[in-house]
Structures are given as structure tokens and as C-alpha cells.
Protein backbone atom coordinates (compact mmCIF):
# COMPACT_ATOMS: atom_id res chain seq x y z
CA UNK A 1 0.00 0.00 0.00
CA UNK A 2 1.06 3.56 -0.52
CA UNK A 3 -0.25 6.87 0.68
CA UNK A 4 -0.46 10.06 -1.38
CA UNK A 5 2.11 12.48 -0.04
CA UNK A 6 0.01 15.64 -0.58
CA UNK A 7 -2.77 14.57 1.77
CA UNK A 8 -0.29 13.23 4.28
CA UNK A 9 1.62 16.49 4.23
CA UNK A 10 -1.62 18.34 4.88
CA UNK A 11 -2.57 16.06 7.71
CA UNK A 12 0.92 16.30 9.15
CA UNK A 13 0.62 20.07 9.13
CA UNK A 14 -2.11 19.70 11.72
CA UNK A 15 0.82 19.60 14.10
CA UNK A 16 0.99 23.37 13.56
CA UNK A 17 -1.99 23.70 15.86
CA UNK A 18 0.06 22.47 18.81
CA UNK A 19 3.28 24.09 17.62
CA UNK A 20 1.79 27.56 17.41
CA UNK A 21 0.25 27.43 20.85
CA UNK A 22 -3.42 26.75 20.26
CA UNK A 23 -3.49 24.83 23.51
CA UNK A 24 -6.25 22.60 22.13
CA UNK A 25 -6.04 18.87 22.25
CA UNK A 26 -7.31 16.50 19.63
CA UNK A 27 -10.79 15.12 20.06
CA UNK A 28 -9.67 11.60 19.19
CA UNK A 29 -11.77 9.04 17.41
CA UNK A 30 -12.29 8.35 13.75
CA UNK A 31 -13.32 10.91 11.19
CA UNK A 32 -15.48 9.60 8.35
CA UNK A 33 -13.67 10.12 5.05
CA UNK A 34 -16.34 12.46 3.68
CA UNK A 35 -15.86 14.71 6.74
CA UNK A 36 -12.08 14.87 6.38
CA UNK A 37 -11.80 17.83 3.93
CA UNK A 38 -13.89 20.31 5.96
CA UNK A 39 -12.40 19.24 9.27
CA UNK A 40 -8.86 19.37 7.92
CA UNK A 41 -9.56 22.79 6.39
CA UNK A 42 -10.89 24.09 9.72
CA UNK A 43 -7.87 22.75 11.60
CA UNK A 44 -5.43 24.24 9.08
CA UNK A 45 -7.11 27.64 9.15
CA UNK A 46 -7.10 27.63 12.93
CA UNK A 47 -3.39 26.79 12.89
CA UNK A 48 -2.65 29.54 10.36
CA UNK A 49 -4.54 32.06 12.48
CA UNK A 50 -2.74 30.94 15.64
CA UNK A 51 0.65 31.13 13.96
CA UNK A 52 0.28 34.36 12.00
CA UNK A 53 -2.26 36.24 14.11
CA UNK A 54 -4.06 39.27 12.67
CA UNK A 55 -1.68 39.55 9.72
CA UNK A 56 -3.10 36.30 8.36
CA UNK A 57 -6.23 38.21 7.28
CA UNK A 58 -4.04 40.10 4.78
CA UNK A 59 -3.20 36.85 3.04
CA UNK A 60 -6.87 35.95 2.67
CA UNK A 61 -7.85 39.07 0.75
CA UNK A 62 -11.40 38.90 2.09
CA UNK A 63 -11.95 35.23 1.24
CA UNK A 64 -13.12 32.58 3.66
CA UNK A 65 -10.11 30.52 4.70
CA UNK A 66 -12.06 27.34 5.47
CA UNK A 67 -14.01 27.42 2.18
CA UNK A 68 -10.90 28.07 0.08
CA UNK A 69 -8.79 25.52 1.93
CA UNK A 70 -11.48 22.84 1.74
CA UNK A 71 -11.81 23.43 -2.01
CA UNK A 72 -8.04 23.12 -2.41
CA UNK A 73 -8.10 19.83 -0.51
CA UNK A 74 -10.96 18.50 -2.63
CA UNK A 75 -9.26 19.65 -5.86
CA UNK A 76 -5.89 18.26 -4.81
CA UNK A 77 -5.00 14.66 -4.09
CA UNK A 78 -8.09 13.92 -1.98
CA UNK A 79 -10.05 12.29 -4.85
CA UNK A 80 -7.07 10.05 -5.56
CA UNK A 81 -6.84 9.15 -1.88
CA UNK A 82 -10.56 8.34 -1.72
CA UNK A 83 -10.27 6.18 -4.83
CA UNK A 84 -7.29 4.28 -3.46
CA UNK A 85 -9.13 3.70 -0.19
CA UNK A 86 -12.13 2.34 -2.14
CA UNK A 87 -9.81 0.00 -4.04
CA UNK A 88 -8.16 -1.19 -0.83
CA UNK A 89 -4.80 0.25 -1.83
CA UNK A 90 -4.70 2.60 1.18
CA UNK A 91 -5.93 1.82 4.67
CA UNK A 92 -8.05 4.47 6.35
CA UNK A 93 -9.74 4.02 9.68
């Protein structure tokens, strides 16, 4: 089995939440695959905000971080990951 590096890099970046001092702990438990993009987008945007503070709003240019980030996840390697999970090539639980 192999795992697409783009999604894994995104998931690994969730560590930014702890690194940048969010103080929040993970909720634990499984996330259904169809809920992964919005939840990952929310976590990433929270991490970006925690790391960059108010200046992060300048990078957004008035757009919604979660909506844009979720769309990028869905347009990236996520469909490939979902397909490989469906084929049994990648384990997801």
C-alpha cells in the first residue's frame, strides 16, 4: 500500500496547531472520510490564524479561509486518496 504524499503532508501540518500554541487537544476518534476535507480545512485555518495572528487576514484578501482551503483539498489529491481507499490500496480508519 502507498499513501499520497500531498494529503499526508496536509494532515501532518495539523501539528501546527500544537506548535503555534493553540493549547487545544485532539478530540480523538475516527473521522469519516467524507468529513475529512472540511475538518482538515478548519484545523489548518485555525493553525494559520494561531501562527500568523491578525496579519493572516491580509493573506486571505477577504476570502473565507475554510471554504478556500477545503476546495483546495478537494481539488488536490483527496479524490485520488478516496479512490485508493475504495480499491483497498490505502488503509483508512
